[in-house]
N, C-alpha and C. Protein backbone atom coordinates (compact mmCIF):
# COMPACT_ATOMS: atom_id res chain seq x y z
N MET A 1 0.90 -1.52 0.07
CA MET A 1 -0.10 0.29 0.23
C MET A 1 1.34 1.49 -0.05
N LYS A 2 1.56 0.69 0.87
CA LYS A 2 3.45 2.22 1.27
C LYS A 2 3.43 2.70 0.01
N LEU A 3 3.92 1.67 -0.93
CA LEU A 3 4.60 1.48 -2.61
C LEU A 3 3.48 2.53 -3.41
N THR A 4 3.02 1.88 -3.26
CA THR A 4 2.08 2.48 -4.50
C THR A 4 1.28 3.60 -3.76
N THR A 5 0.94 4.21 -3.03
CA THR A 5 0.85 5.62 -2.20
C THR A 5 2.05 6.11 -2.72
N LEU A 6 3.42 6.20 -2.26
CA LEU A 6 4.71 6.99 -3.22
C LEU A 6 5.16 6.48 -4.42
N PHE A 7 4.44 5.61 -5.51
CA PHE A 7 4.51 5.83 -7.09
C PHE A 7 3.18 6.88 -7.25
N TYR A 8 2.51 6.91 -6.70
CA TYR A 8 1.38 8.19 -7.17
C TYR A 8 1.79 9.42 -6.69
N ALA A 9 3.12 9.68 -5.51
CA ALA A 9 3.01 10.76 -5.55
C ALA A 9 4.56 10.98 -6.10
N ILE A 10 5.31 10.20 -6.76
CA ILE A 10 6.17 10.41 -7.94
C ILE A 10 5.43 10.99 -8.64
N ALA A 11 4.37 10.26 -9.62
CA ALA A 11 4.31 10.77 -10.83
C ALA A 11 3.40 12.27 -10.53
N PHE A 12 2.83 12.08 -9.70
CA PHE A 12 2.03 13.78 -9.11
C PHE A 12 3.48 14.56 -9.56
N LEU A 13 4.79 14.52 -8.87
CA LEU A 13 5.28 15.73 -8.33
C LEU A 13 5.83 15.48 -10.40
N VAL A 14 6.06 14.72 -11.14
CA VAL A 14 6.74 14.30 -11.90
C VAL A 14 5.46 15.30 -12.98
N SER A 15 4.59 14.97 -12.93
CA SER A 15 3.46 15.32 -14.06
C SER A 15 3.45 17.18 -13.48
N VAL A 16 3.57 17.65 -12.52
CA VAL A 16 3.63 18.78 -12.18
C VAL A 16 4.78 20.18 -12.39
N ASN A 17 6.06 18.69 -12.71
CA ASN A 17 7.30 20.06 -12.82
C ASN A 17 6.87 19.62 -14.89
N ASN A 18 6.52 18.79 -15.55
CA ASN A 18 5.96 19.21 -16.47
C ASN A 18 5.41 20.36 -16.72
N LEU A 19 4.38 20.17 -16.07
CA LEU A 19 3.54 21.30 -16.23
C LEU A 19 4.52 22.87 -15.93
N SER A 20 4.78 22.87 -15.27
CA SER A 20 5.96 24.15 -14.66
C SER A 20 6.69 24.31 -16.27
N ALA A 21 7.24 23.24 -16.44
CA ALA A 21 7.66 23.39 -17.82
C ALA A 21 7.73 24.03 -18.89
N GLN A 22 6.30 23.53 -19.14
CA GLN A 22 5.24 24.18 -20.15
C GLN A 22 4.80 25.14 -20.21
N GLU A 23 4.56 25.49 -18.93
CA GLU A 23 4.90 27.05 -18.77
C GLU A 23 5.47 28.36 -18.91
N ALA A 24 7.26 27.44 -18.97
CA ALA A 24 8.31 28.47 -18.37
C ALA A 24 8.52 28.76 -20.20
N LYS A 25 7.82 27.53 -20.97
CA LYS A 25 9.00 27.29 -21.99
C LYS A 25 7.47 28.46 -22.80
N LYS A 26 6.38 28.09 -22.62
CA LYS A 26 5.35 29.28 -23.10
C LYS A 26 5.63 30.49 -23.13
N GLU A 27 6.21 31.32 -22.16
CA GLU A 27 6.70 32.38 -21.42
C GLU A 27 7.87 32.99 -22.62
N GLU A 28 8.33 32.09 -22.69
CA GLU A 28 9.44 32.16 -23.31
C GLU A 28 9.37 32.22 -25.09
N LYS A 29 8.47 32.00 -25.57
CA LYS A 29 8.46 32.55 -26.89
C LYS A 29 8.12 33.88 -27.21
N LYS A 30 8.87 34.48 -27.35
CA LYS A 30 8.83 36.01 -27.35
C LYS A 30 10.05 36.45 -29.09
N ILE A 31 9.82 37.81 -29.25
CA ILE A 31 10.89 38.08 -30.41
C ILE A 31 11.31 39.35 -29.44
N GLN A 32 12.88 39.19 -29.60
CA GLN A 32 13.62 40.01 -28.60
C GLN A 32 14.92 40.46 -29.59
N GLU A 33 15.19 42.01 -29.31
CA GLU A 33 16.60 42.06 -30.23
C GLU A 33 17.07 42.99 -29.37
N VAL A 34 18.81 43.39 -28.76
CA VAL A 34 19.19 44.06 -28.42
C VAL A 34 19.79 45.57 -29.53
N VAL A 35 19.65 46.60 -29.64
CA VAL A 35 20.30 47.03 -30.15
C VAL A 35 21.38 48.43 -29.35
N ASN A 36 22.12 48.41 -29.79
CA ASN A 36 23.54 49.34 -29.98
C ASN A 36 23.29 50.61 -30.17
N ILE A 37 23.09 51.80 -29.29
CA ILE A 37 22.47 53.09 -30.10
C ILE A 37 23.75 54.55 -29.06
N GLN A 38 24.18 54.83 -30.81
CA GLN A 38 25.82 55.78 -29.59
C GLN A 38 24.82 56.98 -29.71
N ALA A 39 25.17 57.77 -28.60
CA ALA A 39 24.91 58.87 -28.84
C ALA A 39 25.10 60.26 -30.06
N ASP A 40 24.58 61.23 -30.44
CA ASP A 40 24.10 61.69 -31.40
C ASP A 40 25.30 62.71 -31.14
N PRO A 41 26.03 63.27 -32.58
CA PRO A 41 27.49 63.69 -32.62
C PRO A 41 27.00 65.32 -32.24
N VAL A 42 28.16 65.43 -30.97
CA VAL A 42 27.99 67.16 -30.60
C VAL A 42 28.73 68.24 -31.72
N SER A 43 27.72 68.98 -31.87
CA SER A 43 27.92 69.91 -32.89
C SER A 43 29.12 71.15 -32.37
N LEU A 44 30.45 71.19 -32.43
CA LEU A 44 31.12 72.02 -32.00
C LEU A 44 30.78 73.60 -32.80
N PRO A 45 31.36 74.16 -31.42
CA PRO A 45 31.54 75.89 -32.27
C PRO A 45 32.53 76.59 -33.57
N PRO A 46 32.00 76.68 -34.95
CA PRO A 46 33.08 76.58 -35.74
C PRO A 46 34.19 77.70 -35.01
N ASP A 47 35.44 77.79 -36.26
CA ASP A 47 36.95 78.06 -35.15
C ASP A 47 36.78 79.94 -35.75
N ALA A 48 37.90 80.75 -35.84
CA ALA A 48 37.75 82.09 -36.33
C ALA A 48 37.98 82.07 -37.59
N ASP A 49 38.01 81.45 -38.11
CA ASP A 49 38.41 81.57 -39.80
C ASP A 49 36.60 80.83 -40.27
N GLY A 50 36.00 80.57 -39.77
CA GLY A 50 34.83 80.40 -39.56
C GLY A 50 34.31 78.80 -40.18
N ASN A 51 35.63 77.54 -39.27
CA ASN A 51 35.31 76.30 -40.03
C ASN A 51 34.79 75.47 -38.93
N VAL A 52 33.74 74.70 -39.14
CA VAL A 52 33.52 73.81 -37.58
C VAL A 52 34.29 72.40 -37.64
N PRO A 53 34.51 72.68 -37.03
CA PRO A 53 35.93 71.46 -36.38
C PRO A 53 35.30 70.28 -36.32
N VAL A 54 35.71 69.24 -36.72
CA VAL A 54 35.18 67.91 -36.69
C VAL A 54 35.13 67.02 -35.66
N ASP A 55 34.36 66.77 -34.30
CA ASP A 55 34.54 66.14 -33.32
C ASP A 55 35.48 64.59 -33.58
N THR A 56 36.64 64.62 -33.13
CA THR A 56 37.01 63.39 -32.93
C THR A 56 37.35 62.73 -32.46
N SER A 57 36.85 63.03 -31.02
CA SER A 57 36.80 62.66 -29.92
C SER A 57 36.29 60.60 -29.97
N ALA A 58 36.42 59.65 -29.43
CA ALA A 58 35.46 58.43 -29.24
C ALA A 58 34.27 58.47 -29.17
N PRO A 59 33.25 58.02 -29.84
CA PRO A 59 31.76 58.02 -29.59
C PRO A 59 31.04 57.24 -28.09
N LYS A 60 30.29 58.03 -27.62
CA LYS A 60 29.68 57.42 -26.79
C LYS A 60 28.56 57.02 -26.40
N GLY A 61 28.15 55.54 -25.73
CA GLY A 61 26.75 55.43 -26.17
C GLY A 61 25.61 56.20 -25.54
N MET A 62 24.78 56.01 -26.38
CA MET A 62 23.35 56.97 -25.99
C MET A 62 23.20 56.91 -24.39
N ALA A 63 23.01 58.27 -23.64
CA ALA A 63 22.46 58.53 -22.49
C ALA A 63 20.59 57.17 -21.87
N SER A 64 21.07 56.84 -20.97
CA SER A 64 19.64 55.85 -20.90
C SER A 64 18.28 56.30 -20.87
N SER A 65 18.31 57.82 -20.12
CA SER A 65 17.32 58.30 -20.28
C SER A 65 16.98 59.10 -21.81
N GLU A 66 17.77 59.40 -22.92
CA GLU A 66 16.85 59.81 -23.61
C GLU A 66 16.55 58.42 -25.04
N ILE A 67 16.89 57.02 -24.43
CA ILE A 67 16.49 55.89 -24.65
C ILE A 67 15.41 55.89 -24.86
N LEU A 68 14.90 55.94 -23.34
CA LEU A 68 13.58 55.67 -22.24
C LEU A 68 12.97 57.01 -23.21
N LYS A 69 12.88 58.10 -23.14
CA LYS A 69 12.11 59.14 -24.09
C LYS A 69 11.94 58.80 -25.18
N ARG A 70 12.81 58.10 -26.56
CA ARG A 70 12.31 57.64 -27.59
C ARG A 70 11.68 56.68 -27.75
N ALA A 71 11.30 55.61 -26.60
CA ALA A 71 11.08 55.13 -26.13
C ALA A 71 9.26 54.90 -25.83
N VAL A 72 9.35 56.32 -24.94
CA VAL A 72 7.83 56.68 -24.77
C VAL A 72 7.89 57.18 -25.98
N ASN A 73 8.40 58.06 -26.55
CA ASN A 73 7.36 58.24 -28.24
C ASN A 73 7.50 57.31 -29.22
N PHE A 74 7.69 56.74 -29.35
CA PHE A 74 7.46 55.64 -30.60
C PHE A 74 5.95 55.07 -29.76
N VAL A 75 5.70 54.76 -28.17
CA VAL A 75 4.70 53.95 -28.19
C VAL A 75 3.24 55.63 -27.79
N LYS A 76 4.03 56.35 -28.70
CA LYS A 76 2.38 57.74 -28.24
C LYS A 76 2.47 57.94 -30.10
N MET A 77 3.42 57.62 -31.04
CA MET A 77 3.59 58.06 -32.26
C MET A 77 2.17 57.08 -33.20
N GLU A 78 1.39 57.62 -33.91
CA GLU A 78 0.53 57.23 -34.52
C GLU A 78 0.94 56.48 -35.85
N SER A 79 -0.12 55.92 -36.52
CA SER A 79 0.58 54.66 -37.45
C SER A 79 -1.00 54.58 -38.21
N THR A 80 -0.32 54.74 -39.56
CA THR A 80 -2.43 54.22 -40.06
C THR A 80 -1.74 52.67 -40.51
N LYS A 81 -1.62 51.66 -40.43
CA LYS A 81 -0.88 50.37 -40.38
C LYS A 81 -1.45 49.36 -38.64
N TYR A 82 -1.28 50.16 -37.76
CA TYR A 82 -1.74 49.79 -36.50
C TYR A 82 -2.38 50.49 -35.50
N THR A 83 -2.58 50.52 -34.76
CA THR A 83 -3.21 51.03 -33.20
C THR A 83 -2.58 50.62 -32.20
N LYS A 84 -2.42 51.51 -31.39
CA LYS A 84 -1.33 51.35 -30.09
C LYS A 84 -2.60 52.20 -29.32
N GLY A 85 -2.50 51.01 -27.89
CA GLY A 85 -3.64 51.31 -26.64
C GLY A 85 -2.17 50.36 -25.20
N ASN A 86 -3.07 51.42 -24.26
CA ASN A 86 -2.42 50.87 -22.40
C ASN A 86 -0.80 51.41 -22.69
N GLY A 87 -0.80 52.28 -23.15
CA GLY A 87 0.67 53.25 -22.84
C GLY A 87 1.13 52.75 -22.02
N VAL A 88 2.08 52.53 -20.97
CA VAL A 88 3.10 52.56 -20.31
C VAL A 88 4.32 53.12 -19.78
N THR A 89 5.33 53.90 -18.70
CA THR A 89 6.26 53.76 -18.50
C THR A 89 6.28 53.48 -17.20
N THR A 90 7.27 52.62 -16.93
CA THR A 90 7.69 52.14 -15.40
C THR A 90 9.30 51.94 -15.21
N GLY A 91 9.66 52.88 -14.81
CA GLY A 91 11.13 52.65 -14.55
C GLY A 91 11.64 52.80 -15.53
N THR A 92 12.59 52.02 -16.16
CA THR A 92 13.18 52.28 -17.51
C THR A 92 12.67 51.22 -18.73
N LYS A 93 11.30 51.47 -18.65
CA LYS A 93 10.50 50.54 -19.68
C LYS A 93 9.39 51.22 -19.99
N ALA A 94 9.18 51.47 -21.73
CA ALA A 94 7.85 51.85 -22.12
C ALA A 94 7.12 50.47 -22.80
N GLU A 95 6.60 50.53 -22.98
CA GLU A 95 5.18 49.83 -23.26
C GLU A 95 3.92 50.00 -23.68
N CYS A 96 3.55 48.84 -24.73
CA CYS A 96 2.20 49.48 -25.13
C CYS A 96 1.72 47.73 -25.99
N VAL A 97 0.37 48.21 -26.53
CA VAL A 97 -0.31 46.88 -27.13
C VAL A 97 -0.57 47.01 -28.22
N VAL A 98 -0.60 46.27 -29.69
CA VAL A 98 -0.43 47.08 -31.02
C VAL A 98 -1.26 45.91 -31.18
N THR A 99 -2.56 46.64 -31.68
CA THR A 99 -3.26 45.97 -32.92
C THR A 99 -3.80 46.24 -34.39
N PHE A 100 -3.20 44.98 -35.07
CA PHE A 100 -3.31 44.61 -36.61
C PHE A 100 -5.05 44.64 -36.75
N PRO A 101 -5.50 45.49 -37.68
CA PRO A 101 -6.73 44.64 -37.97
C PRO A 101 -6.19 43.76 -39.12
N TYR A 102 -6.92 42.43 -39.21
CA TYR A 102 -7.09 40.93 -39.96
C TYR A 102 -8.34 40.88 -40.64
N LYS A 103 -8.00 40.97 -42.19
CA LYS A 103 -8.89 40.42 -42.89
C LYS A 103 -7.87 39.39 -43.59
N PRO A 104 -8.75 38.32 -44.21
CA PRO A 104 -8.61 36.92 -45.14
C PRO A 104 -8.82 38.13 -46.59
N LYS A 105 -7.70 37.36 -47.12
CA LYS A 105 -7.19 38.08 -48.54
C LYS A 105 -8.34 37.39 -49.55
N GLU A 106 -8.80 35.90 -49.04
CA GLU A 106 -10.07 35.61 -49.78
C GLU A 106 -11.08 36.10 -49.92
N LEU A 107 -12.06 35.88 -50.83
CA LEU A 107 -13.12 36.42 -50.92
C LEU A 107 -14.24 36.02 -49.82
N ASN A 108 -14.45 34.40 -50.11
CA ASN A 108 -15.45 33.61 -49.33
C ASN A 108 -14.04 32.79 -48.91
N PRO A 109 -13.31 32.77 -47.19
CA PRO A 109 -13.06 32.19 -46.50
C PRO A 109 -14.04 31.08 -46.11
N VAL A 110 -13.42 30.08 -45.93
CA VAL A 110 -14.05 28.47 -45.60
C VAL A 110 -14.20 29.37 -43.68
N ALA A 111 -13.94 29.86 -43.04
CA ALA A 111 -14.33 30.34 -41.78
C ALA A 111 -14.73 31.71 -41.32
N ASP A 112 -15.30 31.93 -40.81
CA ASP A 112 -15.64 33.78 -40.34
C ASP A 112 -14.00 34.52 -39.57
N VAL A 113 -12.68 34.46 -40.42
CA VAL A 113 -12.03 34.48 -39.25
C VAL A 113 -11.60 36.23 -39.24
N GLN A 114 -12.26 36.90 -39.70
CA GLN A 114 -12.10 38.51 -39.70
C GLN A 114 -12.08 39.03 -38.63
N GLY A 115 -10.87 39.67 -38.21
CA GLY A 115 -10.74 40.59 -36.52
C GLY A 115 -9.92 41.16 -36.11
N THR A 116 -8.38 41.09 -35.38
CA THR A 116 -7.65 41.55 -34.77
C THR A 116 -6.15 40.91 -34.26
N ILE A 117 -5.69 41.22 -35.03
CA ILE A 117 -4.04 40.80 -34.16
C ILE A 117 -3.72 41.75 -33.69
N THR A 118 -2.89 41.24 -32.55
CA THR A 118 -2.79 41.97 -31.46
C THR A 118 -0.92 41.50 -30.59
N MET A 119 -0.29 42.19 -29.64
CA MET A 119 0.44 41.52 -29.64
C MET A 119 1.16 42.36 -28.53
N HIS A 120 1.69 42.27 -27.84
CA HIS A 120 2.49 43.03 -26.76
C HIS A 120 3.74 43.78 -26.98
N VAL A 121 4.40 45.03 -26.97
CA VAL A 121 5.54 45.58 -27.05
C VAL A 121 6.15 46.64 -25.75
N SER A 122 7.29 46.03 -25.62
CA SER A 122 7.95 46.76 -24.46
C SER A 122 9.45 47.17 -25.11
N ILE A 123 9.62 48.27 -24.29
CA ILE A 123 11.34 48.66 -25.22
C ILE A 123 11.85 49.15 -23.42
N ASP A 124 12.86 48.22 -23.17
CA ASP A 124 13.85 48.54 -21.73
C ASP A 124 14.72 49.57 -22.42
N ALA A 125 15.10 50.38 -21.74
CA ALA A 125 16.61 51.24 -22.15
C ALA A 125 17.58 51.46 -20.55
N LYS A 126 18.80 50.96 -21.55
CA LYS A 126 20.61 51.36 -20.83
C LYS A 126 20.85 51.66 -21.43
N GLU A 127 22.16 51.89 -20.88
CA GLU A 127 23.29 53.19 -21.68
C GLU A 127 23.61 52.40 -22.55
N GLY A 128 23.74 53.36 -23.41
CA GLY A 128 24.20 53.22 -24.95
C GLY A 128 23.27 51.79 -25.93
N LYS A 129 22.29 51.23 -25.45
CA LYS A 129 21.68 49.87 -25.78
C LYS A 129 20.00 50.16 -25.33
N TYR A 130 18.45 48.91 -26.03
CA TYR A 130 17.97 49.33 -26.11
C TYR A 130 17.48 47.68 -26.59
N ARG A 131 15.86 47.04 -25.81
CA ARG A 131 15.80 46.06 -25.77
C ARG A 131 14.39 45.91 -26.33
N TYR A 132 14.38 45.41 -27.49
CA TYR A 132 12.76 45.28 -27.61
C TYR A 132 12.04 44.06 -27.01
N THR A 133 10.98 44.05 -26.72
CA THR A 133 9.92 42.96 -26.64
C THR A 133 9.35 42.80 -27.46
N ILE A 134 8.59 41.60 -28.25
CA ILE A 134 7.38 41.49 -28.98
C ILE A 134 7.10 40.17 -28.45
N SER A 135 5.60 40.19 -28.17
CA SER A 135 5.49 39.05 -26.97
C SER A 135 3.78 38.88 -27.10
N LYS A 136 3.17 37.16 -26.60
CA LYS A 136 1.98 37.67 -26.63
C LYS A 136 1.30 37.77 -28.52
N LEU A 137 1.41 37.42 -29.08
CA LEU A 137 1.01 37.50 -30.62
C LEU A 137 -0.79 36.39 -30.45
N ASN A 138 -1.47 37.61 -30.85
CA ASN A 138 -2.84 37.00 -30.80
C ASN A 138 -3.79 36.44 -31.53
N HIS A 139 -4.51 36.21 -32.67
CA HIS A 139 -5.78 36.17 -33.36
C HIS A 139 -6.84 36.39 -32.18
N SER A 140 -8.24 37.58 -32.75
CA SER A 140 -9.00 37.72 -32.62
C SER A 140 -10.03 37.84 -33.46
N ALA A 141 -11.25 36.84 -33.81
CA ALA A 141 -12.09 37.03 -34.49
C ALA A 141 -13.45 37.62 -34.18
N LYS A 142 -13.98 38.72 -34.34
CA LYS A 142 -15.27 39.96 -35.10
C LYS A 142 -16.03 38.87 -34.03
N ASN A 143 -16.35 37.54 -34.60
CA ASN A 143 -17.12 36.15 -34.53
C ASN A 143 -16.39 35.33 -33.44
N GLY A 144 -16.11 35.31 -31.68
CA GLY A 144 -15.98 34.74 -30.67
C GLY A 144 -15.62 33.44 -31.21
N ASP A 145 -17.04 32.59 -31.81
CA ASP A 145 -16.10 30.99 -32.63
C ASP A 145 -14.95 30.75 -33.52
N TYR A 146 -14.61 31.60 -33.83
CA TYR A 146 -13.46 31.70 -34.92
C TYR A 146 -11.78 32.18 -34.34
N THR A 147 -12.12 32.43 -33.09
CA THR A 147 -10.60 32.70 -32.35
C THR A 147 -9.53 31.99 -32.06
N GLY A 148 -8.60 32.41 -33.45
CA GLY A 148 -7.60 31.61 -33.26
C GLY A 148 -6.52 31.10 -31.60
N GLY A 149 -6.90 32.47 -31.18
CA GLY A 149 -5.62 32.14 -30.16
C GLY A 149 -4.31 32.95 -30.06
N ASP A 150 -3.22 32.51 -29.21
CA ASP A 150 -1.91 32.96 -29.62
C ASP A 150 -1.33 31.95 -30.84
N VAL A 151 -0.82 32.53 -31.50
CA VAL A 151 -0.57 32.31 -32.94
C VAL A 151 0.98 31.59 -32.81
N TYR A 152 1.57 31.53 -31.09
CA TYR A 152 2.91 30.10 -31.82
C TYR A 152 1.86 28.63 -31.64
N SER A 153 0.60 28.72 -30.67
CA SER A 153 0.01 27.30 -31.11
C SER A 153 -0.04 27.01 -32.27
N GLU A 154 0.00 25.50 -32.12
CA GLU A 154 -0.32 24.60 -33.25
C GLU A 154 -2.14 24.98 -33.71
N VAL A 155 -2.32 24.45 -32.85
CA VAL A 155 -3.90 23.70 -32.93
C VAL A 155 -4.57 25.78 -32.60
N PRO A 156 -5.50 26.41 -33.15
CA PRO A 156 -5.97 27.42 -33.08
C PRO A 156 -7.09 26.81 -31.34
N LYS A 157 -7.32 28.09 -30.40
CA LYS A 157 -8.31 28.24 -30.13
C LYS A 157 -9.66 27.51 -30.05
N CYS A 158 -10.18 28.12 -31.35
CA CYS A 158 -11.46 27.58 -31.69
C CYS A 158 -11.78 26.15 -32.49
N GLY A 159 -10.38 25.30 -32.31
CA GLY A 159 -10.31 24.24 -32.76
C GLY A 159 -9.89 24.17 -34.37
N SER A 160 -9.18 23.03 -34.72
CA SER A 160 -9.11 22.98 -36.32
C SER A 160 -11.02 22.30 -37.25
N MET A 161 -11.54 22.10 -36.03
CA MET A 161 -12.74 21.89 -37.12
C MET A 161 -13.35 23.38 -37.60
N LYS A 162 -13.01 23.93 -36.93
CA LYS A 162 -13.59 25.62 -37.03
C LYS A 162 -12.35 26.25 -37.75
N LEU A 163 -11.46 26.00 -37.50
CA LEU A 163 -10.46 26.95 -38.22
C LEU A 163 -9.12 26.23 -39.00
N PRO A 164 -9.32 25.64 -40.04
CA PRO A 164 -8.53 24.83 -40.44
C PRO A 164 -7.08 25.53 -40.58
N PRO A 165 -6.39 24.01 -40.74
CA PRO A 165 -4.86 24.08 -40.61
C PRO A 165 -4.20 24.72 -41.63
N GLU A 166 -4.57 25.01 -43.19
CA GLU A 166 -4.32 25.73 -44.28
C GLU A 166 -4.61 27.49 -43.57
N LEU A 167 -5.59 27.62 -43.08
CA LEU A 167 -6.26 29.33 -42.93
C LEU A 167 -5.28 29.35 -41.50
N TRP A 168 -5.38 28.74 -40.85
CA TRP A 168 -4.34 28.62 -39.35
C TRP A 168 -2.65 29.84 -39.72
N LYS A 169 -2.22 28.40 -40.86
CA LYS A 169 -1.16 28.80 -40.61
C LYS A 169 -1.08 29.89 -41.64
N ARG A 170 -1.90 30.85 -41.96
CA ARG A 170 -1.72 31.69 -42.85
C ARG A 170 -1.99 33.32 -41.61
N ILE A 171 -3.22 33.02 -41.29
CA ILE A 171 -3.66 33.81 -39.68
C ILE A 171 -1.48 34.12 -39.19
N ARG A 172 -1.05 32.75 -38.76
CA ARG A 172 -0.11 33.04 -38.42
C ARG A 172 1.13 33.17 -38.55
N SER A 173 0.90 33.44 -40.12
CA SER A 173 2.31 33.96 -40.94
C SER A 173 2.16 35.06 -41.11
N GLU A 174 1.05 35.69 -41.42
CA GLU A 174 0.66 37.68 -41.51
C GLU A 174 0.84 38.14 -39.57
N ALA A 175 0.51 37.20 -38.80
CA ALA A 175 1.32 37.80 -37.30
C ALA A 175 2.82 37.94 -36.99
N PHE A 176 3.55 37.05 -37.62
CA PHE A 176 4.45 37.07 -37.83
C PHE A 176 5.26 38.62 -38.78
N LYS A 177 4.64 38.26 -39.90
CA LYS A 177 5.40 39.43 -40.74
C LYS A 177 4.50 40.81 -40.00
N GLN A 178 3.75 40.64 -39.36
CA GLN A 178 3.13 42.07 -38.45
C GLN A 178 4.30 42.70 -37.07
N SER A 179 4.72 41.47 -36.34
CA SER A 179 5.71 41.64 -35.93
C SER A 179 7.00 42.13 -36.53
N GLY A 180 7.56 41.73 -37.69
CA GLY A 180 8.10 42.51 -38.27
C GLY A 180 7.93 43.86 -38.24
N ILE A 181 6.98 44.23 -39.08
CA ILE A 181 6.52 45.66 -39.34
C ILE A 181 7.20 46.82 -37.78
N ILE A 182 6.80 45.93 -37.32
CA ILE A 182 6.81 46.48 -35.89
C ILE A 182 8.53 47.12 -35.54
N ALA A 183 8.56 45.99 -35.40
CA ALA A 183 10.60 45.26 -34.98
C ALA A 183 10.97 46.68 -36.29
N ASN A 184 10.66 46.80 -36.94
CA ASN A 184 11.90 47.62 -38.11
C ASN A 184 10.62 49.26 -37.12
N ASP A 185 9.37 48.99 -37.59
CA ASP A 185 9.21 50.85 -37.30
C ASP A 185 10.06 51.33 -35.74
N ILE A 186 10.23 50.43 -34.69
CA ILE A 186 10.60 50.55 -33.25
C ILE A 186 12.53 50.95 -33.88
N LYS A 187 12.80 50.61 -34.47
CA LYS A 187 13.65 50.39 -35.13
C LYS A 187 14.49 52.08 -35.69
N GLU A 188 13.08 52.64 -36.08
CA GLU A 188 13.42 53.80 -37.13
C GLU A 188 13.23 55.32 -36.06
N ALA A 189 12.27 54.53 -35.61
CA ALA A 189 11.83 55.52 -34.21
C ALA A 189 12.67 56.03 -33.64
N MET A 190 13.53 55.25 -33.03
CA MET A 190 14.37 55.04 -31.75
C MET A 190 16.11 55.83 -32.67
N LYS A 191 15.76 55.73 -33.53
CA LYS A 191 17.05 56.95 -34.56
C LYS A 191 16.42 58.99 -34.32
N VAL A 192 15.43 58.53 -33.92
CA VAL A 192 14.51 60.22 -34.28
C VAL A 192 14.33 60.91 -32.82
N SER A 193 15.52 61.72 -32.40
CA SER A 193 15.44 62.50 -31.39
C SER A 193 14.74 63.25 -30.50
N SER A 194 14.30 62.86 -29.34
CA SER A 194 13.11 62.75 -28.42
C SER A 194 12.85 64.35 -28.45
N SER A 195 13.62 65.25 -28.94
CA SER A 195 13.10 66.42 -29.24
C SER A 195 11.58 66.50 -30.40
N THR A 196 12.23 66.01 -31.12
CA THR A 196 11.59 65.71 -31.92
C THR A 196 9.48 65.65 -32.52
N PRO A 197 8.52 65.96 -32.20
CA PRO A 197 7.45 66.12 -31.93
C PRO A 197 7.35 65.31 -32.86
N VAL A 198 6.05 63.84 -32.00
CA VAL A 198 5.86 62.92 -32.70
C VAL A 198 4.61 62.37 -33.40
N ASN A 199 3.48 63.52 -33.55
CA ASN A 199 2.47 62.98 -34.48
C ASN A 199 2.58 64.89 -34.94
N THR A 200 1.73 64.80 -35.74
CA THR A 200 1.91 66.38 -37.09
C THR A 200 1.16 67.28 -36.36
N ASP A 201 0.37 66.99 -35.52
CA ASP A 201 -0.59 68.13 -34.90
C ASP A 201 0.47 68.72 -34.04
N GLU A 202 1.20 68.07 -33.24
CA GLU A 202 2.33 68.67 -32.49
C GLU A 202 2.66 69.90 -32.57
N TRP A 203 3.27 70.98 -31.88
CA TRP A 203 4.58 72.06 -32.43
C TRP A 203 5.01 73.15 -31.29
């Protein structure tokens, strides 16, 4: 009897460990990159002859405060391709949720999957570098019965009967393509000085 109890206890512990490992693996699924960034060159005053000297000092990493301001500007920046919401700044990080509209390219798709693809974006600032992270990529259909959910899942949330594998594959591919658009937009935005107005109606 004791041996049976011991066996069940070990089996239970192993299954708990497996579940924890799976949760940890799921949490790791994100797109992340560290980008080094140098301080903007210093403008030196012209000499007596009116020539502007060239700054020959070694390039310095950009201050983390300026990097964070640029990250905040990215969060505020409007786009015609997607919308941003839930913008937050905490310590050395700026983050938001990005939403892309999703419409299947087929005229009569086999499932009612039109809706949105959302992702969580965060930018961490450090001296001379920043790290962007794109995670929680999700598909939500206007008709909730056809929501695919986490795009890293092989099987959609609503099941393969409602959302066939080929269509789910296309949705996932589109989500990853959109994450690439976000990554590119972040890199471009981080090149712009924080003193530059973010939206066209600002002055």
